[in-house]
């Protein structure tokens, strides 16, 4: 677990931030390979991707 994950979890639990604020991109499962590539390269400001069917 990355060191900042504990802090983020704490802030979410205490409702200091909303988890939706951390999501920068959404993708379908069909687009997963491209989304993972974008995440790996940090293209277009990708920080956190949520996949949905």
C-alpha atoms as a PDB file:
ATOM      1  CA  UNK A   1       0.000   0.000   0.000  1.00  0.00           C
ATOM      2  CA  UNK A   2       1.429   3.332  -0.979  1.00  0.00           C
ATOM      3  CA  UNK A   3       2.090   5.675   1.899  1.00  0.00           C
ATOM      4  CA  UNK A   4      -0.539   8.193   0.839  1.00  0.00           C
ATOM      5  CA  UNK A   5      -3.334   5.591   0.600  1.00  0.00           C
ATOM      6  CA  UNK A   6      -3.742   5.491   4.389  1.00  0.00           C
ATOM      7  CA  UNK A   7      -4.119   9.264   4.512  1.00  0.00           C
ATOM      8  CA  UNK A   8      -6.617   9.247   1.652  1.00  0.00           C
ATOM      9  CA  UNK A   9      -8.659   6.501   3.295  1.00  0.00           C
ATOM     10  CA  UNK A  10      -8.705   8.453   6.554  1.00  0.00           C
ATOM     11  CA  UNK A  11      -9.826  11.643   4.801  1.00  0.00           C
ATOM     12  CA  UNK A  12     -12.595   9.760   2.984  1.00  0.00           C
ATOM     13  CA  UNK A  13     -13.765   8.077   6.201  1.00  0.00           C
ATOM     14  CA  UNK A  14     -13.901  11.438   7.986  1.00  0.00           C
ATOM     15  CA  UNK A  15     -15.764  12.894   4.988  1.00  0.00           C
ATOM     16  CA  UNK A  16     -13.071  15.516   4.447  1.00  0.00           C
ATOM     17  CA  UNK A  17     -12.948  14.547   0.759  1.00  0.00           C
ATOM     18  CA  UNK A  18     -15.272  12.576  -1.478  1.00  0.00           C
ATOM     19  CA  UNK A  19     -13.862   9.520  -3.205  1.00  0.00           C
ATOM     20  CA  UNK A  20     -15.414  10.752  -6.453  1.00  0.00           C
ATOM     21  CA  UNK A  21     -12.964  13.676  -6.364  1.00  0.00           C
ATOM     22  CA  UNK A  22     -10.101  11.217  -6.835  1.00  0.00           C
ATOM     23  CA  UNK A  23     -11.512   9.708 -10.034  1.00  0.00           C
ATOM     24  CA  UNK A  24     -10.119  11.372 -13.122  1.00  0.00           C
ATOM     25  CA  UNK A  25     -11.333   8.948 -15.794  1.00  0.00           C
ATOM     26  CA  UNK A  26     -13.990   6.312 -16.386  1.00  0.00           C
ATOM     27  CA  UNK A  27     -13.787   3.492 -18.899  1.00  0.00           C
ATOM     28  CA  UNK A  28     -15.713   0.457 -20.008  1.00  0.00           C
ATOM     29  CA  UNK A  29     -14.152  -2.968 -19.638  1.00  0.00           C
ATOM     30  CA  UNK A  30     -13.721  -3.031 -23.407  1.00  0.00           C
ATOM     31  CA  UNK A  31     -11.547   0.077 -23.087  1.00  0.00           C
ATOM     32  CA  UNK A  32      -9.516  -1.334 -20.182  1.00  0.00           C
ATOM     33  CA  UNK A  33      -6.296  -1.940 -22.143  1.00  0.00           C
ATOM     34  CA  UNK A  34      -6.222   1.674 -23.361  1.00  0.00           C
ATOM     35  CA  UNK A  35      -7.170   3.026 -19.926  1.00  0.00           C
ATOM     36  CA  UNK A  36      -4.351   1.036 -18.311  1.00  0.00           C
ATOM     37  CA  UNK A  37      -1.890   2.334 -20.880  1.00  0.00           C
ATOM     38  CA  UNK A  38      -3.016   5.909 -20.250  1.00  0.00           C
ATOM     39  CA  UNK A  39      -2.674   5.370 -16.494  1.00  0.00           C
ATOM     40  CA  UNK A  40       0.820   3.887 -16.839  1.00  0.00           C
ATOM     41  CA  UNK A  41       1.966   6.829 -18.932  1.00  0.00           C
ATOM     42  CA  UNK A  42      -0.032   9.398 -16.940  1.00  0.00           C
ATOM     43  CA  UNK A  43      -1.486  10.642 -20.226  1.00  0.00           C
ATOM     44  CA  UNK A  44      -4.147  13.358 -20.185  1.00  0.00           C
ATOM     45  CA  UNK A  45      -3.800  13.823 -16.413  1.00  0.00           C
ATOM     46  CA  UNK A  46      -5.003  10.305 -15.572  1.00  0.00           C
ATOM     47  CA  UNK A  47      -4.708   9.633 -11.838  1.00  0.00           C
ATOM     48  CA  UNK A  48      -7.464   7.133 -11.042  1.00  0.00           C
ATOM     49  CA  UNK A  49      -9.582   5.169 -13.490  1.00  0.00           C
ATOM     50  CA  UNK A  50     -12.870   3.483 -12.652  1.00  0.00           C
ATOM     51  CA  UNK A  51     -13.901   0.612 -14.904  1.00  0.00           C
ATOM     52  CA  UNK A  52     -17.529  -0.315 -15.439  1.00  0.00           C
ATOM     53  CA  UNK A  53     -19.192  -3.029 -17.520  1.00  0.00           C
END
